[in-house]
Amino acid sequence: MMKLGILVNTASHLNHVTGLARAAIAKGQEVIVFAMDEGTRLLENEAFASLATVEGVSMSVCEHSAGANGVSIERLPPQIRCGSQLNNANMVGAADRVIVL
């Protein structure tokens, strides 16, 4: 099974992130999403945050970036892990391919 990593560091590509993730899952692939920098702003969008509840998707967020961008992590789905750049490094190490949006 292929693992697709999606590094989200801008808030500009919501449709691309969700579309790529859902297409990969439909093909039986695993998806790992890491949000950082301005990409943490997408956590305020239900379409993005709900990806964490999809089977086959794991999602984490840089807690420091979320705070720096004024994004509250208190109401996120429990499936979203709040962490650090270590989560990013783990995604890059585990993924067969990484897309940066």
N, C-alpha and C. Protein backbone atom coordinates (compact mmCIF):
# COMPACT_ATOMS: atom_id res chain seq x y z
N MET A 1 0.85 -1.17 0.00
CA MET A 1 0.00 0.00 0.00
C MET A 1 0.90 1.24 0.00
N MET A 2 0.59 2.17 -0.87
CA MET A 2 1.35 3.41 -0.93
C MET A 2 0.86 4.39 0.12
N LYS A 3 1.78 5.16 0.68
CA LYS A 3 1.44 6.20 1.64
C LYS A 3 1.74 7.55 1.01
N LEU A 4 0.73 8.40 0.97
CA LEU A 4 0.86 9.74 0.42
C LEU A 4 0.91 10.74 1.56
N GLY A 5 1.97 11.53 1.61
CA GLY A 5 2.07 12.61 2.59
C GLY A 5 1.64 13.91 1.95
N ILE A 6 0.86 14.69 2.68
CA ILE A 6 0.45 16.01 2.21
C ILE A 6 0.86 17.03 3.26
N LEU A 7 1.83 17.86 2.92
CA LEU A 7 2.27 18.94 3.79
C LEU A 7 1.50 20.19 3.41
N VAL A 8 0.72 20.70 4.34
CA VAL A 8 -0.12 21.86 4.08
C VAL A 8 0.48 23.06 4.82
N ASN A 9 1.13 23.96 4.05
CA ASN A 9 1.73 25.12 4.70
C ASN A 9 1.17 26.45 4.21
N THR A 10 0.10 26.39 3.40
CA THR A 10 -0.64 27.58 2.99
C THR A 10 -2.12 27.30 3.17
N ALA A 11 -2.91 28.35 3.20
CA ALA A 11 -4.36 28.18 3.34
C ALA A 11 -5.06 28.34 1.99
N SER A 12 -4.32 28.16 0.91
CA SER A 12 -4.83 28.48 -0.43
C SER A 12 -5.39 27.30 -1.22
N HIS A 13 -5.19 26.09 -0.75
CA HIS A 13 -5.48 24.94 -1.61
C HIS A 13 -6.41 23.91 -0.96
N LEU A 14 -7.44 24.38 -0.30
CA LEU A 14 -8.36 23.48 0.40
C LEU A 14 -8.91 22.40 -0.53
N ASN A 15 -9.41 22.79 -1.68
CA ASN A 15 -10.02 21.82 -2.60
C ASN A 15 -8.99 20.80 -3.10
N HIS A 16 -7.77 21.24 -3.33
CA HIS A 16 -6.73 20.32 -3.78
C HIS A 16 -6.38 19.32 -2.68
N VAL A 17 -6.23 19.80 -1.45
CA VAL A 17 -5.89 18.91 -0.34
C VAL A 17 -6.97 17.87 -0.14
N THR A 18 -8.21 18.31 -0.03
CA THR A 18 -9.30 17.36 0.22
C THR A 18 -9.50 16.43 -0.97
N GLY A 19 -9.39 16.96 -2.18
CA GLY A 19 -9.56 16.13 -3.37
C GLY A 19 -8.49 15.07 -3.50
N LEU A 20 -7.23 15.47 -3.30
CA LEU A 20 -6.13 14.51 -3.37
C LEU A 20 -6.26 13.43 -2.29
N ALA A 21 -6.59 13.86 -1.09
CA ALA A 21 -6.71 12.90 0.00
C ALA A 21 -7.84 11.89 -0.28
N ARG A 22 -8.97 12.37 -0.70
CA ARG A 22 -10.10 11.47 -0.95
C ARG A 22 -9.83 10.57 -2.16
N ALA A 23 -9.16 11.08 -3.18
CA ALA A 23 -8.83 10.25 -4.34
C ALA A 23 -7.84 9.15 -3.95
N ALA A 24 -6.86 9.49 -3.13
CA ALA A 24 -5.89 8.48 -2.69
C ALA A 24 -6.56 7.40 -1.85
N ILE A 25 -7.43 7.80 -0.95
CA ILE A 25 -8.16 6.83 -0.12
C ILE A 25 -9.01 5.93 -1.00
N ALA A 26 -9.67 6.51 -1.99
CA ALA A 26 -10.50 5.72 -2.90
C ALA A 26 -9.69 4.67 -3.66
N LYS A 27 -8.40 4.94 -3.86
CA LYS A 27 -7.51 3.99 -4.54
C LYS A 27 -6.85 3.01 -3.57
N GLY A 28 -7.24 3.07 -2.29
CA GLY A 28 -6.70 2.15 -1.30
C GLY A 28 -5.38 2.58 -0.70
N GLN A 29 -5.02 3.84 -0.88
CA GLN A 29 -3.77 4.34 -0.32
C GLN A 29 -4.00 4.95 1.05
N GLU A 30 -2.94 5.06 1.81
CA GLU A 30 -2.99 5.72 3.11
C GLU A 30 -2.55 7.17 2.91
N VAL A 31 -3.14 8.08 3.67
CA VAL A 31 -2.82 9.50 3.56
C VAL A 31 -2.39 10.03 4.92
N ILE A 32 -1.28 10.75 4.92
CA ILE A 32 -0.77 11.40 6.13
C ILE A 32 -0.75 12.89 5.85
N VAL A 33 -1.46 13.67 6.66
CA VAL A 33 -1.54 15.12 6.47
C VAL A 33 -0.85 15.81 7.64
N PHE A 34 -0.01 16.79 7.33
CA PHE A 34 0.60 17.62 8.37
C PHE A 34 0.37 19.07 8.01
N ALA A 35 -0.25 19.83 8.92
CA ALA A 35 -0.51 21.26 8.69
C ALA A 35 0.43 22.10 9.53
N MET A 36 0.99 23.12 8.89
CA MET A 36 1.89 24.03 9.58
C MET A 36 1.75 25.42 8.98
N ASP A 37 2.39 26.40 9.60
CA ASP A 37 2.36 27.79 9.12
C ASP A 37 0.93 28.21 8.82
N GLU A 38 0.70 28.92 7.70
CA GLU A 38 -0.65 29.39 7.37
C GLU A 38 -1.61 28.24 7.08
N GLY A 39 -1.08 27.07 6.78
CA GLY A 39 -1.93 25.90 6.54
C GLY A 39 -2.78 25.53 7.74
N THR A 40 -2.35 25.94 8.93
CA THR A 40 -3.15 25.64 10.12
C THR A 40 -4.49 26.36 10.10
N ARG A 41 -4.60 27.42 9.32
CA ARG A 41 -5.88 28.14 9.22
C ARG A 41 -6.97 27.26 8.61
N LEU A 42 -6.57 26.28 7.82
CA LEU A 42 -7.57 25.37 7.22
C LEU A 42 -8.26 24.52 8.28
N LEU A 43 -7.65 24.40 9.46
CA LEU A 43 -8.28 23.62 10.53
C LEU A 43 -9.62 24.21 10.94
N GLU A 44 -9.84 25.48 10.65
CA GLU A 44 -11.11 26.13 10.97
C GLU A 44 -12.20 25.78 9.96
N ASN A 45 -11.82 25.08 8.89
CA ASN A 45 -12.77 24.66 7.86
C ASN A 45 -13.14 23.20 8.08
N GLU A 46 -14.42 22.93 8.20
CA GLU A 46 -14.90 21.58 8.48
C GLU A 46 -14.46 20.57 7.43
N ALA A 47 -14.42 20.99 6.16
CA ALA A 47 -14.02 20.06 5.09
C ALA A 47 -12.60 19.57 5.30
N PHE A 48 -11.72 20.42 5.80
CA PHE A 48 -10.34 20.04 6.06
C PHE A 48 -10.24 19.22 7.35
N ALA A 49 -10.76 19.75 8.43
CA ALA A 49 -10.64 19.08 9.73
C ALA A 49 -11.28 17.70 9.72
N SER A 50 -12.37 17.54 8.98
CA SER A 50 -13.06 16.25 8.96
C SER A 50 -12.28 15.16 8.23
N LEU A 51 -11.25 15.53 7.46
CA LEU A 51 -10.41 14.51 6.82
C LEU A 51 -9.83 13.56 7.87
N ALA A 52 -9.56 14.09 9.05
CA ALA A 52 -8.96 13.27 10.11
C ALA A 52 -9.87 12.13 10.55
N THR A 53 -11.16 12.24 10.27
CA THR A 53 -12.10 11.21 10.68
C THR A 53 -12.30 10.13 9.61
N VAL A 54 -11.67 10.32 8.45
CA VAL A 54 -11.79 9.36 7.35
C VAL A 54 -10.83 8.20 7.58
N GLU A 55 -11.32 6.99 7.45
CA GLU A 55 -10.46 5.82 7.63
C GLU A 55 -9.34 5.85 6.59
N GLY A 56 -8.12 5.65 7.07
CA GLY A 56 -6.96 5.67 6.18
C GLY A 56 -6.22 7.00 6.16
N VAL A 57 -6.78 8.00 6.85
CA VAL A 57 -6.15 9.31 6.93
C VAL A 57 -5.66 9.54 8.36
N SER A 58 -4.41 9.96 8.48
CA SER A 58 -3.92 10.43 9.78
C SER A 58 -3.51 11.88 9.60
N MET A 59 -3.77 12.67 10.62
CA MET A 59 -3.52 14.10 10.51
C MET A 59 -2.89 14.62 11.78
N SER A 60 -1.91 15.50 11.58
CA SER A 60 -1.31 16.19 12.72
C SER A 60 -1.07 17.64 12.35
N VAL A 61 -0.85 18.45 13.38
CA VAL A 61 -0.70 19.88 13.19
C VAL A 61 0.43 20.38 14.09
N CYS A 62 1.16 21.35 13.58
CA CYS A 62 2.19 22.00 14.38
C CYS A 62 1.48 22.95 15.35
N GLU A 63 1.54 22.62 16.61
CA GLU A 63 0.84 23.41 17.63
C GLU A 63 1.40 24.84 17.68
N HIS A 64 2.69 24.99 17.52
CA HIS A 64 3.30 26.33 17.52
C HIS A 64 2.76 27.17 16.37
N SER A 65 2.68 26.60 15.18
CA SER A 65 2.15 27.32 14.02
C SER A 65 0.69 27.71 14.23
N ALA A 66 -0.08 26.81 14.80
CA ALA A 66 -1.50 27.12 15.04
C ALA A 66 -1.62 28.33 15.95
N GLY A 67 -0.86 28.35 17.04
CA GLY A 67 -0.90 29.48 17.95
C GLY A 67 -0.44 30.77 17.29
N ALA A 68 0.60 30.70 16.48
CA ALA A 68 1.13 31.88 15.81
C ALA A 68 0.15 32.45 14.79
N ASN A 69 -0.75 31.59 14.28
CA ASN A 69 -1.75 32.03 13.30
C ASN A 69 -3.12 32.25 13.91
N GLY A 70 -3.20 32.22 15.23
CA GLY A 70 -4.46 32.47 15.93
C GLY A 70 -5.50 31.38 15.78
N VAL A 71 -5.05 30.16 15.51
CA VAL A 71 -5.97 29.04 15.30
C VAL A 71 -6.12 28.27 16.61
N SER A 72 -7.36 28.13 17.07
CA SER A 72 -7.63 27.38 18.29
C SER A 72 -7.60 25.89 18.00
N ILE A 73 -6.90 25.15 18.82
CA ILE A 73 -6.83 23.70 18.65
C ILE A 73 -7.76 22.98 19.62
N GLU A 74 -8.49 23.74 20.41
CA GLU A 74 -9.31 23.16 21.47
C GLU A 74 -10.51 22.37 20.96
N ARG A 75 -11.04 22.72 19.83
CA ARG A 75 -12.26 22.05 19.32
C ARG A 75 -12.00 21.14 18.14
N LEU A 76 -10.75 20.81 17.91
CA LEU A 76 -10.42 19.92 16.80
C LEU A 76 -10.89 18.51 17.08
N PRO A 77 -11.19 17.75 16.03
CA PRO A 77 -11.53 16.34 16.24
C PRO A 77 -10.38 15.65 16.99
N PRO A 78 -10.70 14.74 17.87
CA PRO A 78 -9.64 14.08 18.66
C PRO A 78 -8.65 13.29 17.81
N GLN A 79 -9.01 12.99 16.57
CA GLN A 79 -8.11 12.25 15.69
C GLN A 79 -6.93 13.10 15.21
N ILE A 80 -7.03 14.42 15.32
CA ILE A 80 -5.94 15.30 14.89
C ILE A 80 -4.94 15.42 16.03
N ARG A 81 -3.72 14.98 15.77
CA ARG A 81 -2.66 15.06 16.78
C ARG A 81 -2.02 16.45 16.73
N CYS A 82 -1.95 17.08 17.88
CA CYS A 82 -1.26 18.36 17.99
C CYS A 82 0.16 18.06 18.42
N GLY A 83 1.11 18.57 17.64
CA GLY A 83 2.49 18.23 17.92
C GLY A 83 3.43 19.31 17.43
N SER A 84 4.51 18.86 16.81
CA SER A 84 5.59 19.75 16.42
C SER A 84 6.13 19.33 15.05
N GLN A 85 7.26 19.89 14.70
CA GLN A 85 7.90 19.53 13.44
C GLN A 85 8.36 18.08 13.42
N LEU A 86 8.42 17.45 14.58
CA LEU A 86 8.72 16.02 14.61
C LEU A 86 7.65 15.24 13.86
N ASN A 87 6.39 15.67 13.96
CA ASN A 87 5.31 15.02 13.22
C ASN A 87 5.53 15.16 11.72
N ASN A 88 6.03 16.31 11.30
CA ASN A 88 6.35 16.54 9.89
C ASN A 88 7.46 15.59 9.45
N ALA A 89 8.51 15.50 10.25
CA ALA A 89 9.62 14.61 9.91
C ALA A 89 9.17 13.16 9.86
N ASN A 90 8.30 12.77 10.77
CA ASN A 90 7.78 11.40 10.76
C ASN A 90 6.96 11.13 9.50
N MET A 91 6.16 12.13 9.07
CA MET A 91 5.37 11.96 7.85
C MET A 91 6.29 11.78 6.65
N VAL A 92 7.31 12.63 6.54
CA VAL A 92 8.23 12.54 5.40
C VAL A 92 8.94 11.19 5.40
N GLY A 93 9.30 10.70 6.56
CA GLY A 93 9.97 9.40 6.63
C GLY A 93 9.06 8.23 6.30
N ALA A 94 7.78 8.35 6.61
CA ALA A 94 6.85 7.24 6.40
C ALA A 94 6.22 7.24 5.01
N ALA A 95 6.13 8.40 4.38
CA ALA A 95 5.42 8.53 3.11
C ALA A 95 6.29 8.07 1.94
N ASP A 96 5.62 7.46 0.96
CA ASP A 96 6.29 7.11 -0.29
C ASP A 96 6.45 8.33 -1.18
N ARG A 97 5.50 9.23 -1.12
CA ARG A 97 5.51 10.48 -1.88
C ARG A 97 4.95 11.57 -0.98
N VAL A 98 5.47 12.79 -1.14
CA VAL A 98 4.98 13.94 -0.37
C VAL A 98 4.63 15.07 -1.34
N ILE A 99 3.47 15.62 -1.14
CA ILE A 99 3.00 16.78 -1.90
C ILE A 99 2.96 17.95 -0.94
N VAL A 100 3.46 19.09 -1.37
CA VAL A 100 3.43 20.30 -0.55
C VAL A 100 2.48 21.29 -1.17
N LEU A 101 1.50 21.71 -0.39
CA LEU A 101 0.50 22.68 -0.87
C LEU A 101 0.40 23.84 0.12
